[in-house]
């Protein structure tokens, strides 16, 4: 069985972060492992507290994983401090990690900054050059390309700038500001559009985590990047279309929408 590692923060409500990554990896057919960068107290309405891992403990987690069950792919989510970013970079280089998907969580879709300028600089210097693919949203792509993005032509230009600067592929996520969730993959000097199905579902907590983890899972299984992106897009469309409705805010998707077995059935004899 192929394996994948997620390096990210924990979401105790289960919709995003480590929990979303593990669900996604399992349902995409790989064995999932995790190294936790931070604990968060959060739910569908927001984050109330964060407790970061120390660089030393994060390093020990990564050592334990790479020296025993070597991952066939690695997904990296939100890492908010320079010391943690450097720890990740050092371990990935030490063990020659492959198929690295970096979701550069820096700016929320609302435009709010999520990490410090120092941490952004450290990401650019230490982590991005190791990536197979970066998966920025529009505000993040604007930061990385240092240009405004307001249409599809500007998406292409920004993705080209980022790809050339860091020597990796870039999946620029469109979102509803630019188009109906059509994403652009730029690699090796060429680009491909991946059209998303417009799904009227307000419960989108964890979509970025899920997409990047699904790409990593498919890379781990031996699919090339183009096929991995296509399969990941199809998976997230199915998870959204299942219309799960939990929580009081922007709720999670149903990561298990495609699982049907005797173990998933509810007790038909239970009191309703």
Protein backbone atom coordinates (compact mmCIF):
# COMPACT_ATOMS: atom_id res chain seq x y z
CA UNK A 1 0.00 0.00 0.00
CA UNK A 2 1.29 3.46 -0.90
CA UNK A 3 1.78 6.00 1.89
CA UNK A 4 1.35 9.75 2.30
CA UNK A 5 2.33 12.18 5.04
CA UNK A 6 0.56 15.38 6.01
CA UNK A 7 2.47 18.08 7.88
CA UNK A 8 -0.10 20.56 9.16
CA UNK A 9 -2.14 21.82 12.09
CA UNK A 10 -4.88 19.90 13.86
CA UNK A 11 -8.54 20.92 13.52
CA UNK A 12 -10.40 19.50 16.51
CA UNK A 13 -13.74 19.88 14.69
CA UNK A 14 -12.50 17.54 11.95
CA UNK A 15 -13.23 19.59 8.85
CA UNK A 16 -9.82 20.95 7.92
CA UNK A 17 -6.14 20.52 8.72
CA UNK A 18 -4.70 17.17 9.76
CA UNK A 19 -8.12 15.57 10.18
CA UNK A 20 -9.32 16.53 6.69
CA UNK A 21 -5.98 15.43 5.24
CA UNK A 22 -6.11 11.98 6.83
CA UNK A 23 -9.73 11.43 5.76
CA UNK A 24 -8.86 12.50 2.22
CA UNK A 25 -5.77 10.31 1.98
CA UNK A 26 -7.58 7.22 3.27
CA UNK A 27 -10.53 7.68 0.92
CA UNK A 28 -8.09 8.18 -1.95
CA UNK A 29 -6.48 4.82 -1.30
CA UNK A 30 -3.24 5.49 0.58
CA UNK A 31 -2.00 4.92 4.12
CA UNK A 32 -2.02 8.28 5.92
CA UNK A 33 0.51 9.59 8.45
CA UNK A 34 0.77 12.97 10.14
CA UNK A 35 3.22 15.35 11.76
CA UNK A 36 1.37 18.03 13.70
CA UNK A 37 2.66 21.61 13.56
CA UNK A 38 0.03 23.06 15.92
CA UNK A 39 -3.04 22.22 17.96
CA UNK A 40 -6.03 24.46 17.37
CA UNK A 41 -9.31 24.98 19.14
CA UNK A 42 -11.69 25.65 16.28
CA UNK A 43 -15.03 24.76 14.76
CA UNK A 44 -17.14 25.80 11.80
CA UNK A 45 -17.47 29.35 13.17
CA UNK A 46 -13.79 30.13 13.72
CA UNK A 47 -10.53 29.56 15.61
CA UNK A 48 -10.35 30.43 19.32
CA UNK A 49 -6.90 29.17 20.35
CA UNK A 50 -3.63 27.87 18.85
CA UNK A 51 -0.78 26.00 20.53
CA UNK A 52 2.25 25.49 18.30
CA UNK A 53 4.48 22.45 18.33
CA UNK A 54 8.10 23.13 19.19
CA UNK A 55 10.63 22.73 16.37
CA UNK A 56 12.30 19.93 18.36
CA UNK A 57 9.10 17.94 18.75
CA UNK A 58 8.08 18.44 15.13
CA UNK A 59 11.53 17.21 14.14
CA UNK A 60 11.09 14.10 16.28
CA UNK A 61 7.75 13.36 14.61
CA UNK A 62 9.33 13.61 11.18
CA UNK A 63 12.31 11.47 12.19
CA UNK A 64 9.94 8.78 13.49
CA UNK A 65 8.02 8.72 10.21
CA UNK A 66 10.85 8.84 7.69
CA UNK A 67 13.00 6.24 9.47
CA UNK A 68 10.20 3.66 9.61
CA UNK A 69 7.34 4.09 7.11
CA UNK A 70 8.79 6.21 4.32
CA UNK A 71 6.08 8.36 2.68
CA UNK A 72 5.52 8.16 -1.08
CA UNK A 73 4.19 11.73 -1.00
CA UNK A 74 4.12 14.67 1.41
CA UNK A 75 1.50 17.37 1.81
CA UNK A 76 2.39 20.51 3.79
CA UNK A 77 -0.34 22.80 5.09
CA UNK A 78 -0.28 25.74 7.45
CA UNK A 79 3.06 26.32 9.19
CA UNK A 80 3.10 29.66 10.95
CA UNK A 81 6.65 30.12 12.28
CA UNK A 82 10.06 30.31 10.62
CA UNK A 83 11.63 27.79 13.01
CA UNK A 84 9.04 25.14 12.15
CA UNK A 85 9.41 25.80 8.43
CA UNK A 86 13.18 25.38 8.65
CA UNK A 87 12.74 22.12 10.61
CA UNK A 88 10.47 20.73 7.89
CA UNK A 89 12.85 21.80 5.14
CA UNK A 90 15.84 20.21 6.88
CA UNK A 91 14.08 16.87 7.37
CA UNK A 92 12.67 16.74 3.83
CA UNK A 93 16.15 17.33 2.41
CA UNK A 94 17.77 14.89 4.83
CA UNK A 95 15.48 12.05 3.73
CA UNK A 96 15.15 13.11 0.07
CA UNK A 97 11.37 13.35 0.23
CA UNK A 98 9.46 12.99 -3.05
CA UNK A 99 6.11 14.26 -4.41
CA UNK A 100 5.89 17.30 -2.14
CA UNK A 101 2.62 19.25 -2.33
CA UNK A 102 2.76 22.62 -0.57
CA UNK A 103 -0.48 24.43 0.21
CA UNK A 104 0.98 27.88 0.98
CA UNK A 105 -1.53 28.94 3.62
CA UNK A 106 -0.67 32.62 3.99
CA UNK A 107 -3.74 34.67 3.15
CA UNK A 108 -7.39 33.81 3.72
CA UNK A 109 -9.81 34.14 0.81
CA UNK A 110 -11.16 37.16 2.73
CA UNK A 111 -7.74 38.77 2.27
CA UNK A 112 -6.71 38.51 5.94
CA UNK A 113 -3.04 37.67 6.58
CA UNK A 114 -2.58 34.38 8.43
CA UNK A 115 1.20 34.29 9.01
CA UNK A 116 3.96 36.87 9.54
CA UNK A 117 6.06 38.42 6.81
CA UNK A 118 9.10 36.66 8.30
CA UNK A 119 7.42 33.27 7.98
CA UNK A 120 6.41 34.04 4.39
CA UNK A 121 10.05 34.85 3.56
CA UNK A 122 11.17 31.58 5.17
CA UNK A 123 8.60 29.62 3.17
CA UNK A 124 9.88 31.18 -0.04
CA UNK A 125 13.52 30.50 0.77
CA UNK A 126 13.42 27.07 2.38
CA UNK A 127 10.24 25.21 1.42
CA UNK A 128 8.96 26.32 -1.97
CA UNK A 129 12.10 25.22 -3.88
CA UNK A 130 11.52 21.66 -2.59
CA UNK A 131 7.93 21.51 -3.84
CA UNK A 132 6.62 19.43 -6.69
CA UNK A 133 3.59 21.71 -6.82
CA UNK A 134 2.30 24.76 -4.95
CA UNK A 135 -1.47 25.23 -4.56
CA UNK A 136 -2.11 28.94 -3.80
CA UNK A 137 -5.50 30.61 -3.78
CA UNK A 138 -5.86 33.96 -5.54
CA UNK A 139 -4.76 36.19 -2.60
CA UNK A 140 -1.73 33.93 -2.02
CA UNK A 141 -0.84 33.90 -5.70
CA UNK A 142 -0.98 37.72 -5.66
CA UNK A 143 1.53 37.78 -2.78
CA UNK A 144 3.87 35.30 -4.46
CA UNK A 145 3.72 36.87 -7.93
CA UNK A 146 3.61 40.46 -6.62
CA UNK A 147 0.81 41.34 -9.02
CA UNK A 148 -2.94 41.86 -8.92
CA UNK A 149 -5.11 39.03 -10.28
CA UNK A 150 -8.57 39.96 -11.51
CA UNK A 151 -9.10 37.70 -14.54
CA UNK A 152 -7.96 34.43 -16.09
CA UNK A 153 -5.19 36.01 -18.17
CA UNK A 154 -3.67 37.43 -15.00
CA UNK A 155 -3.97 34.02 -13.33
CA UNK A 156 -1.85 32.55 -16.12
CA UNK A 157 0.78 35.29 -15.82
CA UNK A 158 0.97 35.01 -12.02
CA UNK A 159 1.29 31.23 -12.14
CA UNK A 160 4.08 31.54 -14.70
CA UNK A 161 5.96 34.01 -12.51
CA UNK A 162 5.65 31.77 -9.43
CA UNK A 163 6.61 28.61 -11.33
CA UNK A 164 9.73 30.18 -12.80
CA UNK A 165 10.76 31.78 -9.52
CA UNK A 166 10.60 28.60 -7.43
CA UNK A 167 11.22 25.94 -10.08
CA UNK A 168 8.04 23.97 -9.45
CA UNK A 169 4.55 23.49 -10.82
CA UNK A 170 1.78 25.82 -9.62
CA UNK A 171 -1.91 25.04 -9.27
CA UNK A 172 -3.58 28.45 -8.99
CA UNK A 173 -7.04 27.99 -7.50
CA UNK A 174 -9.60 30.22 -9.18
CA UNK A 175 -12.51 30.45 -6.83
CA UNK A 176 -15.65 32.45 -7.37
CA UNK A 177 -13.87 35.82 -7.50
CA UNK A 178 -12.43 34.93 -10.91
CA UNK A 179 -14.49 32.04 -12.25
CA UNK A 180 -16.59 29.07 -11.20
CA UNK A 181 -13.83 27.21 -9.33
CA UNK A 182 -11.71 26.67 -12.43
CA UNK A 183 -8.09 26.00 -11.47
CA UNK A 184 -4.96 26.57 -13.54
CA UNK A 185 -2.00 24.21 -13.53
CA UNK A 186 1.21 25.78 -14.81
CA UNK A 187 4.23 23.52 -15.25
CA UNK A 188 7.22 23.23 -17.57
CA UNK A 189 6.29 26.46 -19.34
CA UNK A 190 2.76 25.38 -20.30
CA UNK A 191 -0.64 25.58 -18.63
CA UNK A 192 -3.83 23.53 -18.39
CA UNK A 193 -7.25 24.58 -17.10
CA UNK A 194 -9.20 22.24 -14.84
CA UNK A 195 -12.81 23.26 -14.80
CA UNK A 196 -14.68 22.86 -11.55
CA UNK A 197 -18.33 22.01 -11.25
CA UNK A 198 -20.30 24.90 -9.75
CA UNK A 199 -21.84 23.46 -6.58
CA UNK A 200 -24.11 25.68 -4.52
CA UNK A 201 -22.91 24.50 -1.12
CA UNK A 202 -21.98 27.03 1.60
CA UNK A 203 -20.21 24.33 3.61
CA UNK A 204 -16.67 24.55 2.25
CA UNK A 205 -14.56 24.28 5.42
CA UNK A 206 -11.32 22.51 4.53
CA UNK A 207 -11.52 22.57 0.74
CA UNK A 208 -7.92 23.73 0.30
CA UNK A 209 -6.59 21.09 2.69
CA UNK A 210 -8.65 18.42 0.97
CA UNK A 211 -7.58 19.33 -2.57
CA UNK A 212 -3.86 19.36 -1.77
CA UNK A 213 -4.10 16.08 0.16
CA UNK A 214 -5.96 14.39 -2.69
CA UNK A 215 -3.25 15.52 -5.11
CA UNK A 216 -0.58 14.10 -2.79
CA UNK A 217 -2.44 10.79 -2.46
CA UNK A 218 -2.65 10.38 -6.21
CA UNK A 219 1.00 11.29 -6.71
CA UNK A 220 1.84 8.64 -4.11
CA UNK A 221 -0.09 6.06 -6.14
CA UNK A 222 1.95 6.81 -9.25
CA UNK A 223 -0.35 9.13 -11.19
CA UNK A 224 1.39 12.03 -12.92
CA UNK A 225 0.64 15.57 -11.77
CA UNK A 226 -1.99 16.28 -14.44
CA UNK A 227 -3.94 13.13 -13.60
CA UNK A 228 -3.52 13.74 -9.87
CA UNK A 229 -5.01 17.23 -10.17
CA UNK A 230 -7.92 15.94 -12.27
CA UNK A 231 -8.69 13.14 -9.84
CA UNK A 232 -8.41 15.50 -6.87
CA UNK A 233 -10.82 17.99 -8.48
CA UNK A 234 -13.32 15.21 -9.17
CA UNK A 235 -13.02 13.98 -5.59
CA UNK A 236 -13.63 17.39 -4.03
CA UNK A 237 -16.61 17.97 -6.33
CA UNK A 238 -18.14 14.72 -5.06
CA UNK A 239 -17.45 15.61 -1.44
CA UNK A 240 -19.15 19.00 -1.88
CA UNK A 241 -22.06 17.58 -3.88
CA UNK A 242 -22.88 15.21 -0.99
CA UNK A 243 -24.25 18.36 0.75
CA UNK A 244 -23.25 17.44 4.30
CA UNK A 245 -24.60 20.04 6.72
CA UNK A 246 -22.95 20.10 10.15
CA UNK A 247 -22.23 22.94 12.54
CA UNK A 248 -23.40 26.51 12.87
CA UNK A 249 -20.95 28.10 10.40
CA UNK A 250 -19.23 27.06 7.17
CA UNK A 251 -19.34 23.32 7.72
CA UNK A 252 -17.16 20.44 6.51
CA UNK A 253 -17.52 18.33 3.41
CA UNK A 254 -18.38 14.63 3.39
CA UNK A 255 -14.95 13.12 2.73
CA UNK A 256 -16.46 9.62 2.83
CA UNK A 257 -19.12 10.27 0.17
CA UNK A 258 -17.81 7.44 -2.02
CA UNK A 259 -17.51 4.81 0.73
CA UNK A 260 -20.28 2.24 0.72
CA UNK A 261 -19.78 -0.91 2.74
CA UNK A 262 -21.42 -2.91 5.50
CA UNK A 263 -19.27 -1.02 8.00
CA UNK A 264 -20.67 2.39 7.03
CA UNK A 265 -24.34 1.47 7.35
CA UNK A 266 -26.37 2.92 10.21
CA UNK A 267 -28.31 0.69 12.57
CA UNK A 268 -31.74 0.39 10.97
CA UNK A 269 -33.12 -0.96 14.24
CA UNK A 270 -31.90 1.96 16.31
CA UNK A 271 -34.44 4.42 17.71
CA UNK A 272 -34.87 7.42 15.44
